[in-house]
Amino acid sequence: HFGEKIKISAGATGSIFAAIATASPETLIPILAIVAGGDNAAINQDISVGAILGAPLMLSTLSIAILSFFILKKRGLTGKMHPETTGLIRDLNFFLVAFFIAGAAMYVPTSFVYFRFAISFILIGLYLLYVILTLKSSKRLVSEGHGVISDNPLFFKKIGLSHRMSTIIIQMIAGIILLIVSAKVFIHNIEIISVQLHISALVLSLLIIPIATELPEKVNSITWALKNKDTLAWGNITGSMTFQGTLLPAIGILLTPWQANAQTMMGILITIFAVSWLRLNVSDKGIPIPVLFVNGFFYLLYLCWVIFSIHP
């Protein structure tokens, strides 16, 4: 609704506004975990790093496979998805560059404070450049028929409020408040589970937290794909990944030790492989459904590796 009001493209709406909104849970959880500190500071730092790295891992693997599963009946095994490719390629390219930098930063000693600051600002700068380029291309895409059209009424309109910008903003603020409250409760319960099951909070936050925090992206993208709005569906996923691959690691580098270990580096490698596979298969002719199931295989590969590493 916001994208339609300000007359921007579906790609820009999905990749920037919808992506930032649906990425709120995975943004709030690491920040709240770091701020919590206290007696569980080390656990909270693990939760933070795991949430930061687990979010793009989940989106680039399991979320894409789930999306393909939901549209399989409608489009068939030989079917394809047809997002607008210039924006999709831009999202994937920016993510790959940023996430590689974030992974390399894990080998920078914590004593190199100014160098770590510089890396964080580079990642922030990459996201700002990405936003500028995405918005710059929006006018051309709208003229080519890629504008946003909302099919359903605003939720708050159903309870009697009028459909205008102020109502849209009020609805977004209400959603963010709910996310903050629930994220705090979620962190507390991850701490409890970690202690009771004697499993690393880092492993839990790499595997469990993203399943919950990525639900907004999954639901949005599945809904849009079922309505044949592939550009919005993919923009929501890859735009969230770009947000998560730039600003979230910048937060982690600045506020946590952000050091490499087997779990984090394997998660980064699997994510890069999954996104690279997707990037190689993006085409103006569409993305074949079977290609997307391969991304789900990458998640299973990581899951098996984690289980084996915990119980060799």
C-alpha atoms as a PDB file:
ATOM      1  CA  HIS A   1       0.000   0.000   0.000  1.00  0.00           C
ATOM      2  CA  PHE A   2       2.861   2.379   0.814  1.00  0.00           C
ATOM      3  CA  GLY A   3       4.572   1.647  -2.515  1.00  0.00           C
ATOM      4  CA  GLU A   4       1.352   2.270  -4.415  1.00  0.00           C
ATOM      5  CA  LYS A   5       0.784   5.569  -2.608  1.00  0.00           C
ATOM      6  CA  ILE A   6       4.205   7.018  -3.494  1.00  0.00           C
ATOM      7  CA  LYS A   7       4.152   5.499  -7.007  1.00  0.00           C
ATOM      8  CA  ILE A   8       7.352   3.439  -7.010  1.00  0.00           C
ATOM      9  CA  SER A   9       8.113   0.150  -8.744  1.00  0.00           C
ATOM     10  CA  ALA A  10       7.223  -3.288  -7.422  1.00  0.00           C
ATOM     11  CA  GLY A  11      10.928  -4.111  -7.284  1.00  0.00           C
ATOM     12  CA  ALA A  12      11.752  -1.070  -5.145  1.00  0.00           C
ATOM     13  CA  THR A  13       8.738  -1.712  -2.901  1.00  0.00           C
ATOM     14  CA  GLY A  14       9.704  -5.344  -2.349  1.00  0.00           C
ATOM     15  CA  SER A  15      13.471  -4.837  -2.122  1.00  0.00           C
ATOM     16  CA  ILE A  16      13.479  -1.770   0.142  1.00  0.00           C
ATOM     17  CA  PHE A  17      10.235  -1.046   2.006  1.00  0.00           C
ATOM     18  CA  ALA A  18       8.791  -4.544   2.343  1.00  0.00           C
ATOM     19  CA  ALA A  19      12.279  -5.953   2.956  1.00  0.00           C
ATOM     20  CA  ILE A  20      13.114  -3.518   5.761  1.00  0.00           C
ATOM     21  CA  ALA A  21       9.703  -4.059   7.373  1.00  0.00           C
ATOM     22  CA  THR A  22       9.808  -7.853   7.250  1.00  0.00           C
ATOM     23  CA  ALA A  23      13.480  -7.850   8.304  1.00  0.00           C
ATOM     24  CA  SER A  24      12.555  -6.087  11.560  1.00  0.00           C
ATOM     25  CA  PRO A  25      12.507  -9.273  13.699  1.00  0.00           C
ATOM     26  CA  GLU A  26      16.006 -10.390  12.699  1.00  0.00           C
ATOM     27  CA  THR A  27      17.208  -6.792  13.142  1.00  0.00           C
ATOM     28  CA  LEU A  28      15.667  -6.380  16.581  1.00  0.00           C
ATOM     29  CA  ILE A  29      16.748  -9.731  18.008  1.00  0.00           C
ATOM     30  CA  PRO A  30      20.544  -9.217  17.720  1.00  0.00           C
ATOM     31  CA  ILE A  31      20.267  -5.614  18.949  1.00  0.00           C
ATOM     32  CA  LEU A  32      18.098  -6.560  21.928  1.00  0.00           C
ATOM     33  CA  ALA A  33      20.359  -9.538  22.692  1.00  0.00           C
ATOM     34  CA  ILE A  34      23.432  -7.274  22.770  1.00  0.00           C
ATOM     35  CA  VAL A  35      21.702  -4.615  24.863  1.00  0.00           C
ATOM     36  CA  ALA A  36      20.488  -7.246  27.352  1.00  0.00           C
ATOM     37  CA  GLY A  37      24.073  -8.031  28.433  1.00  0.00           C
ATOM     38  CA  GLY A  38      24.125  -8.840  32.147  1.00  0.00           C
ATOM     39  CA  ASP A  39      25.109 -12.270  33.458  1.00  0.00           C
ATOM     40  CA  ASN A  40      24.298 -13.858  30.099  1.00  0.00           C
ATOM     41  CA  ALA A  41      26.415 -11.471  28.001  1.00  0.00           C
ATOM     42  CA  ALA A  42      28.355 -14.268  26.273  1.00  0.00           C
ATOM     43  CA  ILE A  43      25.178 -16.227  25.457  1.00  0.00           C
ATOM     44  CA  ASN A  44      23.480 -13.066  24.211  1.00  0.00           C
ATOM     45  CA  GLN A  45      26.431 -12.296  21.937  1.00  0.00           C
ATOM     46  CA  ASP A  46      26.177 -15.817  20.488  1.00  0.00           C
ATOM     47  CA  ILE A  47      22.441 -15.308  19.964  1.00  0.00           C
ATOM     48  CA  SER A  48      23.170 -12.001  18.234  1.00  0.00           C
ATOM     49  CA  VAL A  49      25.816 -13.385  15.860  1.00  0.00           C
ATOM     50  CA  GLY A  50      23.734 -16.479  15.135  1.00  0.00           C
ATOM     51  CA  ALA A  51      20.648 -14.386  14.350  1.00  0.00           C
ATOM     52  CA  ILE A  52      22.658 -12.104  12.045  1.00  0.00           C
ATOM     53  CA  LEU A  53      24.208 -14.970  10.062  1.00  0.00           C
ATOM     54  CA  GLY A  54      21.238 -17.328  10.277  1.00  0.00           C
ATOM     55  CA  ALA A  55      18.781 -14.899   8.684  1.00  0.00           C
ATOM     56  CA  PRO A  56      20.344 -14.798   5.185  1.00  0.00           C
ATOM     57  CA  LEU A  57      21.215 -18.502   5.481  1.00  0.00           C
ATOM     58  CA  MET A  58      17.547 -19.323   6.025  1.00  0.00           C
ATOM     59  CA  LEU A  59      16.269 -16.957   3.334  1.00  0.00           C
ATOM     60  CA  SER A  60      18.691 -18.134   0.645  1.00  0.00           C
ATOM     61  CA  THR A  61      18.027 -21.823   1.290  1.00  0.00           C
ATOM     62  CA  LEU A  62      14.927 -23.056   3.128  1.00  0.00           C
ATOM     63  CA  SER A  63      12.713 -20.012   2.436  1.00  0.00           C
ATOM     64  CA  ILE A  64      13.292 -20.240  -1.320  1.00  0.00           C
ATOM     65  CA  ALA A  65      12.566 -23.982  -1.284  1.00  0.00           C
ATOM     66  CA  ILE A  66       9.335 -23.378   0.678  1.00  0.00           C
ATOM     67  CA  LEU A  67       8.312 -20.697  -1.819  1.00  0.00           C
ATOM     68  CA  SER A  68       8.838 -23.113  -4.718  1.00  0.00           C
ATOM     69  CA  PHE A  69       6.842 -25.821  -2.893  1.00  0.00           C
ATOM     70  CA  PHE A  70       3.809 -23.558  -2.456  1.00  0.00           C
ATOM     71  CA  ILE A  71       3.685 -22.556  -6.127  1.00  0.00           C
ATOM     72  CA  LEU A  72       4.458 -26.058  -7.434  1.00  0.00           C
ATOM     73  CA  LYS A  73       0.804 -27.090  -7.755  1.00  0.00           C
ATOM     74  CA  LYS A  74      -0.103 -23.911  -9.630  1.00  0.00           C
ATOM     75  CA  ARG A  75       2.886 -23.803 -12.015  1.00  0.00           C
ATOM     76  CA  GLY A  76       4.025 -27.431 -12.222  1.00  0.00           C
ATOM     77  CA  LEU A  77       7.475 -28.968 -11.981  1.00  0.00           C
ATOM     78  CA  THR A  78       8.440 -27.516 -15.362  1.00  0.00           C
ATOM     79  CA  GLY A  79       7.106 -24.073 -14.443  1.00  0.00           C
ATOM     80  CA  LYS A  80       9.132 -20.926 -13.890  1.00  0.00           C
ATOM     81  CA  MET A  81       9.086 -17.743 -11.854  1.00  0.00           C
ATOM     82  CA  HIS A  82       9.399 -14.477 -13.778  1.00  0.00           C
ATOM     83  CA  PRO A  83      10.662 -11.641 -11.568  1.00  0.00           C
ATOM     84  CA  GLU A  84      12.050  -8.430 -13.068  1.00  0.00           C
ATOM     85  CA  THR A  85      15.678  -9.471 -13.523  1.00  0.00           C
ATOM     86  CA  THR A  86      17.697  -6.218 -13.323  1.00  0.00           C
ATOM     87  CA  GLY A  87      16.626  -5.571  -9.743  1.00  0.00           C
ATOM     88  CA  LEU A  88      17.020  -9.220  -8.750  1.00  0.00           C
ATOM     89  CA  ILE A  89      20.553  -9.380 -10.150  1.00  0.00           C
ATOM     90  CA  ARG A  90      21.442  -6.116  -8.378  1.00  0.00           C
ATOM     91  CA  ASP A  91      20.166  -7.522  -5.057  1.00  0.00           C
ATOM     92  CA  LEU A  92      22.144 -10.748  -5.394  1.00  0.00           C
ATOM     93  CA  ASN A  93      25.356  -9.020  -6.506  1.00  0.00           C
ATOM     94  CA  PHE A  94      25.279  -6.547  -3.614  1.00  0.00           C
ATOM     95  CA  PHE A  95      24.569  -9.338  -1.142  1.00  0.00           C
ATOM     96  CA  LEU A  96      27.435 -11.538  -2.354  1.00  0.00           C
ATOM     97  CA  VAL A  97      29.966  -8.693  -2.138  1.00  0.00           C
ATOM     98  CA  ALA A  98      28.763  -7.556   1.289  1.00  0.00           C
ATOM     99  CA  PHE A  99      28.526 -11.037   2.813  1.00  0.00           C
ATOM    100  CA  PHE A 100      32.011 -11.925   1.605  1.00  0.00           C
ATOM    101  CA  ILE A 101      33.327  -8.792   3.342  1.00  0.00           C
ATOM    102  CA  ALA A 102      31.369  -9.680   6.506  1.00  0.00           C
ATOM    103  CA  GLY A 103      32.863 -13.184   6.478  1.00  0.00           C
ATOM    104  CA  ALA A 104      36.398 -11.868   5.981  1.00  0.00           C
ATOM    105  CA  ALA A 105      35.854  -9.452   8.901  1.00  0.00           C
ATOM    106  CA  MET A 106      35.576 -12.449  11.245  1.00  0.00           C
ATOM    107  CA  TYR A 107      39.330 -12.886  10.902  1.00  0.00           C
ATOM    108  CA  VAL A 108      40.092  -9.302  11.962  1.00  0.00           C
ATOM    109  CA  PRO A 109      41.310  -9.266  15.599  1.00  0.00           C
ATOM    110  CA  THR A 110      39.112  -7.400  18.087  1.00  0.00           C
ATOM    111  CA  SER A 111      42.101  -5.174  18.920  1.00  0.00           C
ATOM    112  CA  PHE A 112      41.982  -3.694  15.385  1.00  0.00           C
ATOM    113  CA  VAL A 113      39.190  -1.345  16.458  1.00  0.00           C
ATOM    114  CA  TYR A 114      39.545   1.297  13.750  1.00  0.00           C
ATOM    115  CA  PHE A 115      39.838  -1.293  10.985  1.00  0.00           C
ATOM    116  CA  ARG A 116      36.642  -2.978  12.219  1.00  0.00           C
ATOM    117  CA  PHE A 117      34.930   0.421  12.266  1.00  0.00           C
ATOM    118  CA  ALA A 118      36.024   0.974   8.668  1.00  0.00           C
ATOM    119  CA  ILE A 119      34.608  -2.390   7.553  1.00  0.00           C
ATOM    120  CA  SER A 120      31.288  -1.593   9.246  1.00  0.00           C
ATOM    121  CA  PHE A 121      31.041   1.767   7.501  1.00  0.00           C
ATOM    122  CA  ILE A 122      31.871   0.132   4.158  1.00  0.00           C
ATOM    123  CA  LEU A 123      28.957  -2.274   4.659  1.00  0.00           C
ATOM    124  CA  ILE A 124      26.633   0.584   5.611  1.00  0.00           C
ATOM    125  CA  GLY A 125      27.827   2.537   2.563  1.00  0.00           C
ATOM    126  CA  LEU A 126      27.115  -0.458   0.320  1.00  0.00           C
ATOM    127  CA  TYR A 127      23.519  -0.575   1.532  1.00  0.00           C
ATOM    128  CA  LEU A 128      23.026   3.160   0.978  1.00  0.00           C
ATOM    129  CA  LEU A 129      24.432   2.800  -2.557  1.00  0.00           C
ATOM    130  CA  TYR A 130      22.092  -0.139  -3.136  1.00  0.00           C
ATOM    131  CA  VAL A 131      19.057   1.907  -2.021  1.00  0.00           C
ATOM    132  CA  ILE A 132      20.046   4.825  -4.267  1.00  0.00           C
ATOM    133  CA  LEU A 133      20.470   2.589  -7.322  1.00  0.00           C
ATOM    134  CA  THR A 134      17.208   0.748  -6.619  1.00  0.00           C
ATOM    135  CA  LEU A 135      15.192   3.957  -6.283  1.00  0.00           C
ATOM    136  CA  LYS A 136      16.938   5.440  -9.317  1.00  0.00           C
ATOM    137  CA  SER A 137      15.735   2.559 -11.480  1.00  0.00           C
ATOM    138  CA  SER A 138      12.198   2.736 -10.053  1.00  0.00           C
ATOM    139  CA  LYS A 139      10.841   5.475 -12.361  1.00  0.00           C
ATOM    140  CA  ARG A 140      11.909   3.570 -15.476  1.00  0.00           C
ATOM    141  CA  LEU A 141      10.376   0.329 -14.200  1.00  0.00           C
ATOM    142  CA  VAL A 142       7.060   2.025 -13.365  1.00  0.00           C
ATOM    143  CA  SER A 143       6.904   3.398 -16.905  1.00  0.00           C
ATOM    144  CA  GLU A 144       7.469  -0.154 -18.191  1.00  0.00           C
ATOM    145  CA  GLY A 145       4.514  -1.504 -16.215  1.00  0.00           C
ATOM    146  CA  HIS A 146       6.248  -2.680 -13.049  1.00  0.00           C
ATOM    147  CA  GLY A 147       4.387  -0.372 -10.666  1.00  0.00           C
ATOM    148  CA  VAL A 148       2.718  -1.586  -7.463  1.00  0.00           C
ATOM    149  CA  ILE A 149      -0.997  -2.381  -7.452  1.00  0.00           C
ATOM    150  CA  SER A 150      -2.562  -3.417  -4.125  1.00  0.00           C
ATOM    151  CA  ASP A 151      -5.339  -5.987  -4.502  1.00  0.00           C
ATOM    152  CA  ASN A 152      -6.620  -6.077  -0.929  1.00  0.00           C
ATOM    153  CA  PRO A 153      -7.767  -3.268   1.395  1.00  0.00           C
ATOM    154  CA  LEU A 154      -5.498  -2.044   4.172  1.00  0.00           C
ATOM    155  CA  PHE A 155      -6.058  -4.082   7.348  1.00  0.00           C
ATOM    156  CA  PHE A 156      -6.850  -0.999   9.452  1.00  0.00           C
ATOM    157  CA  LYS A 157      -9.464   0.028   6.892  1.00  0.00           C
ATOM    158  CA  LYS A 158     -11.379  -3.123   7.834  1.00  0.00           C
ATOM    159  CA  ILE A 159     -11.777  -1.759  11.368  1.00  0.00           C
ATOM    160  CA  GLY A 160     -13.166   1.573  10.201  1.00  0.00           C
ATOM    161  CA  LEU A 161     -10.140   3.803   9.486  1.00  0.00           C
ATOM    162  CA  SER A 162      -9.864   5.619   6.172  1.00  0.00           C
ATOM    163  CA  HIS A 163      -7.333   4.587   3.524  1.00  0.00           C
ATOM    164  CA  ARG A 164      -4.667   7.289   3.609  1.00  0.00           C
ATOM    165  CA  MET A 165      -0.968   7.645   4.288  1.00  0.00           C
ATOM    166  CA  SER A 166      -1.431   8.341   8.008  1.00  0.00           C
ATOM    167  CA  THR A 167      -3.364   5.078   8.403  1.00  0.00           C
ATOM    168  CA  ILE A 168      -0.647   3.144   6.566  1.00  0.00           C
ATOM    169  CA  ILE A 169       2.044   4.615   8.849  1.00  0.00           C
ATOM    170  CA  ILE A 170      -0.018   3.909  12.006  1.00  0.00           C
ATOM    171  CA  GLN A 171      -0.428   0.290  10.915  1.00  0.00           C
ATOM    172  CA  MET A 172       3.336  -0.076  10.312  1.00  0.00           C
ATOM    173  CA  ILE A 173       4.163   1.428  13.733  1.00  0.00           C
ATOM    174  CA  ALA A 174       1.705  -0.950  15.422  1.00  0.00           C
ATOM    175  CA  GLY A 175       3.386  -3.894  13.713  1.00  0.00           C
ATOM    176  CA  ILE A 176       6.865  -2.765  14.795  1.00  0.00           C
ATOM    177  CA  ILE A 177       5.742  -2.423  18.441  1.00  0.00           C
ATOM    178  CA  LEU A 178       4.427  -5.999  18.382  1.00  0.00           C
ATOM    179  CA  LEU A 179       7.737  -7.176  16.879  1.00  0.00           C
ATOM    180  CA  ILE A 180       9.789  -5.500  19.626  1.00  0.00           C
ATOM    181  CA  VAL A 181       7.734  -7.053  22.422  1.00  0.00           C
ATOM    182  CA  SER A 182       7.729 -10.543  20.908  1.00  0.00           C
ATOM    183  CA  ALA A 183      11.454 -10.399  20.000  1.00  0.00           C
ATOM    184  CA  LYS A 184      12.347  -9.727  23.651  1.00  0.00           C
ATOM    185  CA  VAL A 185      10.278 -12.727  24.805  1.00  0.00           C
ATOM    186  CA  PHE A 186      11.830 -14.876  22.076  1.00  0.00           C
ATOM    187  CA  ILE A 187      15.422 -14.077  23.171  1.00  0.00           C
ATOM    188  CA  HIS A 188      14.613 -14.962  26.786  1.00  0.00           C
ATOM    189  CA  ASN A 189      13.265 -18.369  25.794  1.00  0.00           C
ATOM    190  CA  ILE A 190      16.247 -19.142  23.544  1.00  0.00           C
ATOM    191  CA  GLU A 191      18.515 -18.529  26.578  1.00  0.00           C
ATOM    192  CA  ILE A 192      16.451 -20.991  28.654  1.00  0.00           C
ATOM    193  CA  ILE A 193      16.411 -23.682  25.936  1.00  0.00           C
ATOM    194  CA  SER A 194      20.152 -23.321  25.388  1.00  0.00           C
ATOM    195  CA  VAL A 195      20.923 -23.923  29.076  1.00  0.00           C
ATOM    196  CA  GLN A 196      18.394 -26.752  29.560  1.00  0.00           C
ATOM    197  CA  LEU A 197      19.437 -28.712  26.442  1.00  0.00           C
ATOM    198  CA  HIS A 198      23.163 -27.962  26.850  1.00  0.00           C
ATOM    199  CA  ILE A 199      23.323 -26.821  23.222  1.00  0.00           C
ATOM    200  CA  SER A 200      25.283 -23.786  22.092  1.00  0.00           C
ATOM    201  CA  ALA A 201      23.173 -20.631  21.871  1.00  0.00           C
ATOM    202  CA  LEU A 202      25.054 -19.884  18.644  1.00  0.00           C
ATOM    203  CA  VAL A 203      23.868 -23.137  17.038  1.00  0.00           C
ATOM    204  CA  LEU A 204      20.295 -22.598  18.226  1.00  0.00           C
ATOM    205  CA  SER A 205      20.244 -19.049  16.922  1.00  0.00           C
ATOM    206  CA  LEU A 206      21.676 -20.132  13.560  1.00  0.00           C
ATOM    207  CA  LEU A 207      18.996 -22.789  13.100  1.00  0.00           C
ATOM    208  CA  ILE A 208      15.940 -21.911  15.211  1.00  0.00           C
ATOM    209  CA  ILE A 209      15.727 -18.111  15.423  1.00  0.00           C
ATOM    210  CA  PRO A 210      15.707 -17.602  11.612  1.00  0.00           C
ATOM    211  CA  ILE A 211      12.804 -20.046  11.188  1.00  0.00           C
ATOM    212  CA  ALA A 212      10.695 -17.646  13.272  1.00  0.00           C
ATOM    213  CA  THR A 213      12.183 -14.330  12.158  1.00  0.00           C
ATOM    214  CA  GLU A 214      11.945 -15.173   8.452  1.00  0.00           C
ATOM    215  CA  LEU A 215       8.228 -15.980   8.626  1.00  0.00           C
ATOM    216  CA  PRO A 216       7.213 -12.466   7.453  1.00  0.00           C
ATOM    217  CA  GLU A 217       9.325 -12.818   4.297  1.00  0.00           C
ATOM    218  CA  LYS A 218       8.022 -16.340   3.659  1.00  0.00           C
ATOM    219  CA  VAL A 219       4.364 -15.372   4.063  1.00  0.00           C
ATOM    220  CA  ASN A 220       4.673 -12.167   2.019  1.00  0.00           C
ATOM    221  CA  SER A 221       6.561 -13.824  -0.811  1.00  0.00           C
ATOM    222  CA  ILE A 222       4.294 -16.874  -0.965  1.00  0.00           C
ATOM    223  CA  THR A 223       1.192 -14.644  -1.006  1.00  0.00           C
ATOM    224  CA  TRP A 224       2.603 -12.488  -3.811  1.00  0.00           C
ATOM    225  CA  ALA A 225       3.829 -15.487  -5.833  1.00  0.00           C
ATOM    226  CA  LEU A 226       0.394 -17.127  -5.650  1.00  0.00           C
ATOM    227  CA  LYS A 227      -0.987 -13.878  -7.111  1.00  0.00           C
ATOM    228  CA  ASN A 228       1.667 -14.035  -9.886  1.00  0.00           C
ATOM    229  CA  LYS A 229       3.452 -10.982  -8.457  1.00  0.00           C
ATOM    230  CA  ASP A 230       6.893 -12.543  -8.824  1.00  0.00           C
ATOM    231  CA  THR A 231       8.817  -9.259  -8.713  1.00  0.00           C
ATOM    232  CA  LEU A 232       7.348  -8.372  -5.309  1.00  0.00           C
ATOM    233  CA  ALA A 233       7.854 -11.946  -4.068  1.00  0.00           C
ATOM    234  CA  TRP A 234      11.519 -12.033  -5.019  1.00  0.00           C
ATOM    235  CA  GLY A 235      12.179  -8.420  -4.082  1.00  0.00           C
ATOM    236  CA  ASN A 236      10.991  -9.146  -0.560  1.00  0.00           C
ATOM    237  CA  ILE A 237      13.386 -12.089  -0.220  1.00  0.00           C
ATOM    238  CA  THR A 238      16.486 -10.711  -1.945  1.00  0.00           C
ATOM    239  CA  GLY A 239      15.951  -7.183  -0.615  1.00  0.00           C
ATOM    240  CA  SER A 240      15.823  -8.616   2.911  1.00  0.00           C
ATOM    241  CA  MET A 241      18.993 -10.587   2.196  1.00  0.00           C
ATOM    242  CA  THR A 242      20.777  -7.425   1.059  1.00  0.00           C
ATOM    243  CA  PHE A 243      19.631  -5.607   4.194  1.00  0.00           C
ATOM    244  CA  GLN A 244      20.761  -8.559   6.317  1.00  0.00           C
ATOM    245  CA  GLY A 245      24.075  -8.919   4.501  1.00  0.00           C
ATOM    246  CA  THR A 246      25.088  -5.287   4.994  1.00  0.00           C
ATOM    247  CA  LEU A 247      23.555  -3.494   7.981  1.00  0.00           C
ATOM    248  CA  LEU A 248      23.248  -6.489  10.322  1.00  0.00           C
ATOM    249  CA  PRO A 249      26.893  -7.623   9.978  1.00  0.00           C
ATOM    250  CA  ALA A 250      27.902  -3.968  10.460  1.00  0.00           C
ATOM    251  CA  ILE A 251      26.092  -4.072  13.817  1.00  0.00           C
ATOM    252  CA  GLY A 252      27.743  -7.407  14.685  1.00  0.00           C
ATOM    253  CA  ILE A 253      31.237  -6.161  13.816  1.00  0.00           C
ATOM    254  CA  LEU A 254      30.768  -3.023  15.915  1.00  0.00           C
ATOM    255  CA  LEU A 255      29.060  -4.535  18.975  1.00  0.00           C
ATOM    256  CA  THR A 256      30.221  -8.174  19.257  1.00  0.00           C
ATOM    257  CA  PRO A 257      33.619  -9.964  19.078  1.00  0.00           C
ATOM    258  CA  TRP A 258      32.573 -11.166  15.570  1.00  0.00           C
ATOM    259  CA  GLN A 259      35.172 -13.942  15.413  1.00  0.00           C
ATOM    260  CA  ALA A 260      35.265 -16.992  13.162  1.00  0.00           C
ATOM    261  CA  ASN A 261      34.522 -20.540  14.300  1.00  0.00           C
ATOM    262  CA  ALA A 262      33.394 -23.701  12.537  1.00  0.00           C
ATOM    263  CA  GLN A 263      29.657 -22.995  12.868  1.00  0.00           C
ATOM    264  CA  THR A 264      29.781 -19.407  11.658  1.00  0.00           C
ATOM    265  CA  MET A 265      32.121 -20.016   8.729  1.00  0.00           C
ATOM    266  CA  MET A 266      30.190 -23.048   7.513  1.00  0.00           C
ATOM    267  CA  GLY A 267      26.995 -20.982   7.687  1.00  0.00           C
ATOM    268  CA  ILE A 268      28.611 -18.185   5.661  1.00  0.00           C
ATOM    269  CA  LEU A 269      29.974 -20.600   3.045  1.00  0.00           C
ATOM    270  CA  ILE A 270      26.627 -22.399   2.615  1.00  0.00           C
ATOM    271  CA  THR A 271      24.869 -19.044   2.234  1.00  0.00           C
ATOM    272  CA  ILE A 272      27.341 -17.834  -0.403  1.00  0.00           C
ATOM    273  CA  PHE A 273      27.059 -21.121  -2.327  1.00  0.00           C
ATOM    274  CA  ALA A 274      23.235 -20.962  -2.252  1.00  0.00           C
ATOM    275  CA  VAL A 275      23.095 -17.334  -3.424  1.00  0.00           C
ATOM    276  CA  SER A 276      25.733 -17.966  -6.110  1.00  0.00           C
ATOM    277  CA  TRP A 277      23.687 -20.909  -7.395  1.00  0.00           C
ATOM    278  CA  LEU A 278      20.608 -18.695  -7.592  1.00  0.00           C
ATOM    279  CA  ARG A 279      22.575 -15.891  -9.281  1.00  0.00           C
ATOM    280  CA  LEU A 280      23.823 -18.283 -11.972  1.00  0.00           C
ATOM    281  CA  ASN A 281      20.258 -19.335 -12.773  1.00  0.00           C
ATOM    282  CA  VAL A 282      18.648 -15.891 -13.023  1.00  0.00           C
ATOM    283  CA  SER A 283      17.518 -15.284 -16.590  1.00  0.00           C
ATOM    284  CA  ASP A 284      15.048 -13.157 -18.545  1.00  0.00           C
ATOM    285  CA  LYS A 285      13.452 -16.469 -19.522  1.00  0.00           C
ATOM    286  CA  GLY A 286      12.534 -17.109 -15.880  1.00  0.00           C
ATOM    287  CA  ILE A 287      13.865 -19.166 -12.975  1.00  0.00           C
ATOM    288  CA  PRO A 288      12.933 -22.886 -13.233  1.00  0.00           C
ATOM    289  CA  ILE A 289      11.122 -24.293 -10.192  1.00  0.00           C
ATOM    290  CA  PRO A 290      13.533 -27.288  -9.816  1.00  0.00           C
ATOM    291  CA  VAL A 291      16.435 -24.833  -9.453  1.00  0.00           C
ATOM    292  CA  LEU A 292      14.811 -23.445  -6.302  1.00  0.00           C
ATOM    293  CA  PHE A 293      14.549 -26.868  -4.669  1.00  0.00           C
ATOM    294  CA  VAL A 294      18.348 -27.122  -4.876  1.00  0.00           C
ATOM    295  CA  ASN A 295      18.539 -24.136  -2.510  1.00  0.00           C
ATOM    296  CA  GLY A 296      16.604 -26.210   0.021  1.00  0.00           C
ATOM    297  CA  PHE A 297      19.232 -28.918  -0.326  1.00  0.00           C
ATOM    298  CA  PHE A 298      21.877 -26.431   0.837  1.00  0.00           C
ATOM    299  CA  TYR A 299      19.935 -25.948   4.086  1.00  0.00           C
ATOM    300  CA  LEU A 300      19.694 -29.709   4.642  1.00  0.00           C
ATOM    301  CA  LEU A 301      23.420 -29.937   4.032  1.00  0.00           C
ATOM    302  CA  TYR A 302      24.105 -27.371   6.740  1.00  0.00           C
ATOM    303  CA  LEU A 303      21.610 -28.996   9.124  1.00  0.00           C
ATOM    304  CA  CYS A 304      23.280 -32.417   8.700  1.00  0.00           C
ATOM    305  CA  TRP A 305      26.694 -30.868   9.264  1.00  0.00           C
ATOM    306  CA  VAL A 306      25.520 -29.197  12.500  1.00  0.00           C
ATOM    307  CA  ILE A 307      23.939 -32.404  13.808  1.00  0.00           C
ATOM    308  CA  PHE A 308      27.100 -34.377  13.015  1.00  0.00           C
ATOM    309  CA  SER A 309      29.332 -31.753  14.659  1.00  0.00           C
ATOM    310  CA  ILE A 310      27.234 -31.852  17.856  1.00  0.00           C
ATOM    311  CA  HIS A 311      26.988 -35.667  17.930  1.00  0.00           C
ATOM    312  CA  PRO A 312      30.000 -37.033  15.992  1.00  0.00           C
END
